[in-house]
Amino acid sequence: MMLRLLSHRWGQPLRIRSSSPAAPPRRRVLRPALLGAALTIALTVLSREIPSPLYEYRDPPSPDGLGKFFLGREIAHVMGHAAADWLERPEREAEEGTGLLVPALRLEPGGVVADVGAGTGYFTWRLARAVAPGGRVYAVDVQPEMLERLRAHMATRGVTNVLPWLGTEADPRLPPASLDLVLMVDVYHELAQPYEMLQAVCRALKRGRWPSSSTGEDLTVLIKPLHKMTEAQLRRELAVHPLEWVETIGTLPWQHLVLFRKSRPPPTVVPPP
């Protein structure tokens, strides 16, 4: 099972430099020899405890935020359908290297994928081609207007293995144990109920596979601060779910892919003091 969350960079990018000019694309992986040390570090930084109460509320909210906080992060406003043209801007490929993302997912024909926060379907049709023949893509969004645009784009491209799927702020309403991968591109930071949504996503992922996610950090990317997210914050928030980090891939210019696997039992709620 895979879960991919993509958001823009904040701070300095977390990458490993190679001394070899012919080295392959940079990525950080949990190697068996380093597993014990890596887990020790993770357990000192990441909490498996679910906060209680789940959310904090502060007034006034930031101009681009809800005034609602999860594990110290203010949740950003959702980008409305009126701004959907930004998702299809011609320069997006050059800025974000979007053509590199889907190949990095290593999808296979026959796979079942969910594009959560699919918007206009910018990545949906690319995912659909990657799992054809025999595979399908659930294109999930909470805005019916986005799904209408997505349907039009799929029809124009002749893509027939996409299911437009209306979800809610707390639940994508996906079939349980049905998905090989979930992709979120610049979406997670806008989830109004991130804990509940990720619970539902985990239920939809198949057991024994690997979820993945993507995020990024870079002060030079001209995106509003609440619409960026650090890898450290992402990993902190996903640590309260039955997910474990697998690797981080840093080949995209504005973002990097952070992959997680569904494997361990969920943590228990910690009561308030």
Protein backbone atom coordinates (compact mmCIF):
# COMPACT_ATOMS: atom_id res chain seq x y z
CA MET A 1 0.00 0.00 0.00
CA MET A 2 1.28 3.42 -0.77
CA LEU A 3 0.44 6.85 0.49
CA ARG A 4 2.06 9.82 -1.23
CA LEU A 5 1.63 13.32 0.13
CA LEU A 6 3.13 16.14 -1.88
CA SER A 7 3.60 19.65 -0.55
CA HIS A 8 6.03 22.46 -1.24
CA ARG A 9 9.37 22.93 0.44
CA TRP A 10 9.99 24.92 3.62
CA GLY A 11 13.51 25.39 5.01
CA GLN A 12 16.51 23.68 3.49
CA PRO A 13 16.03 20.56 1.39
CA LEU A 14 16.97 17.30 3.11
CA ARG A 15 19.27 15.55 0.65
CA ILE A 16 22.44 13.48 0.67
CA ARG A 17 25.27 14.63 -1.55
CA SER A 18 27.30 12.12 -3.53
CA SER A 19 31.00 12.43 -4.26
CA SER A 20 30.59 10.55 -7.55
CA PRO A 21 29.53 12.61 -10.58
CA ALA A 22 27.92 9.53 -12.11
CA ALA A 23 25.92 8.68 -9.00
CA PRO A 24 22.25 7.69 -9.40
CA PRO A 25 19.41 10.03 -8.27
CA ARG A 26 19.73 10.95 -4.62
CA ARG A 27 17.54 9.14 -2.15
CA ARG A 28 17.64 8.20 1.50
CA VAL A 29 16.71 4.61 2.28
CA LEU A 30 16.47 2.53 5.44
CA ARG A 31 19.23 -0.01 4.76
CA PRO A 32 19.17 -3.20 6.89
CA ALA A 33 22.52 -2.41 8.49
CA LEU A 34 21.21 0.97 9.67
CA LEU A 35 17.75 -0.14 10.69
CA GLY A 36 18.36 -0.29 14.43
CA ALA A 37 20.00 3.13 14.61
CA ALA A 38 17.37 4.70 12.38
CA LEU A 39 14.55 3.36 14.50
CA THR A 40 16.24 4.64 17.64
CA ILE A 41 16.44 8.12 16.16
CA ALA A 42 12.85 7.97 14.90
CA LEU A 43 11.49 6.96 18.28
CA THR A 44 13.23 9.86 20.00
CA VAL A 45 11.83 12.39 17.55
CA LEU A 46 8.42 11.03 16.53
CA SER A 47 5.55 10.43 18.93
CA ARG A 48 3.21 7.50 18.41
CA GLU A 49 0.77 8.96 20.89
CA ILE A 50 -2.44 10.46 19.58
CA PRO A 51 -2.91 13.95 21.06
CA SER A 52 -5.98 14.50 23.19
CA PRO A 53 -7.73 16.67 22.33
CA LEU A 54 -6.85 16.07 18.68
CA TYR A 55 -6.94 19.73 17.63
CA GLU A 56 -6.16 23.12 19.11
CA TYR A 57 -7.90 26.33 18.12
CA ARG A 58 -6.30 29.77 18.23
CA ASP A 59 -7.83 33.13 17.51
CA PRO A 60 -7.26 35.02 15.32
CA PRO A 61 -6.25 32.56 12.58
CA SER A 62 -3.45 33.27 10.12
CA PRO A 63 -4.58 34.96 6.87
CA ASP A 64 -4.22 31.65 4.99
CA GLY A 65 -5.13 29.34 7.86
CA LEU A 66 -8.11 28.00 9.75
CA GLY A 67 -6.86 28.80 13.24
CA LYS A 68 -7.02 25.04 13.78
CA PHE A 69 -3.80 23.26 14.73
CA PHE A 70 -2.72 19.62 14.60
CA LEU A 71 0.48 18.73 16.44
CA GLY A 72 1.60 22.36 16.33
CA ARG A 73 0.83 22.98 12.64
CA GLU A 74 -1.89 25.36 11.52
CA ILE A 75 -4.09 23.83 8.83
CA ALA A 76 -4.22 25.82 5.59
CA HIS A 77 -7.30 26.92 3.67
CA VAL A 78 -8.29 24.67 0.77
CA MET A 79 -7.52 26.03 -2.68
CA GLY A 80 -10.96 26.54 -4.20
CA HIS A 81 -12.08 25.45 -7.64
CA ALA A 82 -12.01 29.07 -8.83
CA ALA A 83 -8.19 28.84 -8.81
CA ALA A 84 -8.09 25.50 -10.63
CA ASP A 85 -6.31 26.95 -13.67
CA TRP A 86 -3.16 27.23 -11.52
CA LEU A 87 -3.02 23.43 -11.38
CA GLU A 88 -2.88 23.25 -15.18
CA ARG A 89 -0.43 26.13 -15.73
CA PRO A 90 1.92 25.47 -18.68
CA GLU A 91 5.08 26.11 -16.63
CA ARG A 92 4.22 23.52 -13.99
CA GLU A 93 6.25 20.76 -15.60
CA ALA A 94 9.37 22.93 -15.74
CA GLU A 95 8.91 24.19 -12.17
CA GLU A 96 8.02 20.93 -10.44
CA GLY A 97 9.44 18.27 -12.76
CA THR A 98 6.05 16.58 -12.71
CA GLY A 99 7.09 14.08 -15.36
CA LEU A 100 9.46 12.51 -12.82
CA LEU A 101 6.85 11.79 -10.17
CA VAL A 102 4.74 8.97 -11.62
CA PRO A 103 7.75 6.87 -12.78
CA ALA A 104 9.13 7.16 -9.22
CA LEU A 105 5.99 5.42 -7.92
CA ARG A 106 6.93 2.19 -9.73
CA LEU A 107 3.34 1.36 -10.60
CA GLU A 108 2.41 -1.77 -12.49
CA PRO A 109 -0.43 -2.64 -14.88
CA GLY A 110 -3.48 -3.80 -12.97
CA GLY A 111 -2.79 -1.65 -9.93
CA VAL A 112 -5.51 0.18 -8.00
CA VAL A 113 -4.60 3.73 -7.01
CA ALA A 114 -6.30 6.70 -5.35
CA ASP A 115 -5.40 10.28 -6.23
CA VAL A 116 -6.70 12.03 -3.10
CA GLY A 117 -7.24 15.73 -3.70
CA ALA A 118 -7.14 15.05 -7.43
CA GLY A 119 -8.35 18.52 -8.40
CA THR A 120 -8.48 18.87 -12.18
CA GLY A 121 -6.82 15.49 -12.71
CA TYR A 122 -3.34 16.77 -13.52
CA PHE A 123 -1.77 13.59 -12.12
CA THR A 124 -4.85 11.38 -12.42
CA TRP A 125 -4.53 10.64 -16.12
CA ARG A 126 -0.81 9.97 -15.73
CA LEU A 127 -1.57 7.45 -12.96
CA ALA A 128 -4.31 5.89 -15.10
CA ARG A 129 -1.89 5.26 -17.96
CA ALA A 130 0.67 3.77 -15.56
CA VAL A 131 -1.76 1.13 -14.23
CA ALA A 132 -3.28 0.26 -17.62
CA PRO A 133 -4.28 -2.22 -18.76
CA GLY A 134 -6.43 -3.68 -16.03
CA GLY A 135 -5.89 -1.04 -13.36
CA ARG A 136 -8.01 1.87 -12.19
CA VAL A 137 -7.68 5.18 -10.38
CA TYR A 138 -10.07 6.66 -7.84
CA ALA A 139 -9.91 10.44 -8.36
CA VAL A 140 -11.02 11.82 -4.98
CA ASP A 141 -11.97 15.41 -4.27
CA VAL A 142 -14.35 17.22 -1.91
CA GLN A 143 -15.32 19.84 -4.50
CA PRO A 144 -17.88 18.70 -7.12
CA GLU A 145 -16.71 21.51 -9.39
CA MET A 146 -13.18 20.05 -9.46
CA LEU A 147 -14.57 16.64 -10.36
CA GLU A 148 -16.54 18.15 -13.24
CA ARG A 149 -13.34 19.60 -14.67
CA LEU A 150 -11.59 16.30 -14.07
CA ARG A 151 -14.27 14.41 -16.00
CA ALA A 152 -13.86 16.79 -18.92
CA HIS A 153 -10.08 16.35 -18.94
CA MET A 154 -10.35 12.56 -18.84
CA ALA A 155 -12.83 12.60 -21.73
CA THR A 156 -10.55 14.86 -23.79
CA ARG A 157 -7.64 12.46 -23.27
CA GLY A 158 -9.74 9.36 -23.81
CA VAL A 159 -8.95 8.01 -20.34
CA THR A 160 -11.56 5.44 -19.29
CA ASN A 161 -10.08 3.79 -16.18
CA VAL A 162 -10.67 6.71 -13.80
CA LEU A 163 -13.51 6.83 -11.25
CA PRO A 164 -14.34 10.42 -10.14
CA TRP A 165 -15.03 10.06 -6.41
CA LEU A 166 -16.64 12.63 -4.11
CA GLY A 167 -15.23 12.42 -0.59
CA THR A 168 -15.72 14.42 2.59
CA GLU A 169 -13.29 16.39 4.74
CA ALA A 170 -12.92 13.39 7.05
CA ASP A 171 -13.29 10.42 4.73
CA PRO A 172 -12.47 9.75 1.05
CA ARG A 173 -15.12 6.97 1.19
CA LEU A 174 -12.85 4.49 -0.53
CA PRO A 175 -13.47 0.73 -0.43
CA PRO A 176 -11.63 -0.94 2.48
CA ALA A 177 -8.40 -2.84 1.77
CA SER A 178 -8.66 -2.03 -1.94
CA LEU A 179 -5.69 0.19 -2.81
CA ASP A 180 -2.09 -0.42 -3.78
CA LEU A 181 -1.19 3.25 -3.54
CA VAL A 182 -2.60 6.57 -2.37
CA LEU A 183 -1.09 9.75 -3.79
CA MET A 184 -1.58 13.22 -2.32
CA VAL A 185 0.05 16.09 -4.19
CA ASP A 186 0.05 19.44 -2.34
CA VAL A 187 -3.04 18.30 -0.42
CA TYR A 188 -2.21 17.06 3.07
CA HIS A 189 -1.55 20.50 4.57
CA GLU A 190 -5.10 21.54 3.52
CA LEU A 191 -6.93 18.61 5.12
CA ALA A 192 -9.35 20.09 7.65
CA GLN A 193 -9.39 16.81 9.57
CA PRO A 194 -6.00 15.24 8.86
CA TYR A 195 -6.16 12.61 11.59
CA GLU A 196 -9.57 11.29 10.53
CA MET A 197 -8.68 11.42 6.84
CA LEU A 198 -5.47 9.44 7.32
CA GLN A 199 -7.35 6.89 9.42
CA ALA A 200 -9.71 6.37 6.50
CA VAL A 201 -6.83 6.21 4.01
CA CYS A 202 -5.12 3.52 6.09
CA ARG A 203 -8.31 1.46 6.09
CA ALA A 204 -8.43 1.68 2.29
CA LEU A 205 -4.83 0.50 1.84
CA LYS A 206 -4.14 -3.20 1.39
CA ARG A 207 -2.16 -4.97 4.07
CA GLY A 208 1.42 -5.99 3.49
CA ARG A 209 2.10 -3.46 0.73
CA TRP A 210 3.80 -0.09 1.14
CA PRO A 211 2.29 3.38 1.34
CA SER A 212 4.27 6.43 0.34
CA SER A 213 4.07 10.13 0.62
CA SER A 214 5.84 13.19 -0.70
CA THR A 215 6.62 16.61 0.67
CA GLY A 216 9.24 19.33 0.35
CA GLU A 217 11.07 22.24 1.96
CA ASP A 218 12.72 25.22 0.31
CA LEU A 219 12.61 28.91 1.19
CA THR A 220 13.15 29.83 -2.47
CA VAL A 221 9.82 28.31 -3.57
CA LEU A 222 7.35 31.20 -3.67
CA ILE A 223 4.42 29.41 -2.04
CA LYS A 224 2.54 30.71 1.01
CA PRO A 225 4.08 29.34 4.23
CA LEU A 226 1.01 27.38 5.34
CA HIS A 227 0.97 25.65 1.95
CA LYS A 228 4.46 24.29 2.59
CA MET A 229 5.35 21.54 5.02
CA THR A 230 8.60 20.11 6.33
CA GLU A 231 9.37 16.42 6.12
CA ALA A 232 9.93 16.37 9.89
CA GLN A 233 6.41 17.69 10.54
CA LEU A 234 4.90 15.26 8.04
CA ARG A 235 6.63 12.31 9.66
CA ARG A 236 5.56 13.50 13.09
CA GLU A 237 1.92 13.61 12.04
CA LEU A 238 1.94 10.29 10.23
CA ALA A 239 3.63 8.59 13.18
CA VAL A 240 0.26 8.49 14.97
CA HIS A 241 -1.05 6.14 12.25
CA PRO A 242 -0.11 2.54 11.41
CA LEU A 243 2.52 3.78 8.97
CA GLU A 244 6.30 3.64 8.98
CA TRP A 245 8.76 5.59 6.91
CA VAL A 246 10.52 3.66 4.13
CA GLU A 247 12.53 6.20 2.13
CA THR A 248 12.73 9.80 0.95
CA ILE A 249 13.43 10.56 -2.70
CA GLY A 250 14.80 14.02 -3.49
CA THR A 251 14.81 14.11 -7.28
CA LEU A 252 12.06 16.70 -7.80
CA PRO A 253 13.06 20.40 -7.98
CA TRP A 254 10.30 21.75 -5.70
CA GLN A 255 9.27 18.67 -3.76
CA HIS A 256 10.56 15.35 -2.56
CA LEU A 257 8.80 12.03 -2.18
CA VAL A 258 8.48 10.54 1.28
CA LEU A 259 7.39 6.91 1.28
CA PHE A 260 5.62 5.10 4.08
CA ARG A 261 4.53 1.50 4.62
CA LYS A 262 1.41 0.33 6.43
CA SER A 263 2.63 -2.21 8.94
CA ARG A 264 2.18 -1.69 12.65
CA PRO A 265 -0.87 -1.48 14.92
CA PRO A 266 -2.27 2.02 15.54
CA PRO A 267 -1.26 3.78 18.77
CA THR A 268 -3.64 4.36 21.63
CA VAL A 269 -5.21 7.66 22.61
CA VAL A 270 -3.39 9.42 25.43
CA PRO A 271 -5.90 10.94 27.84
CA PRO A 272 -5.48 14.57 28.85
CA PRO A 273 -3.54 15.15 32.09
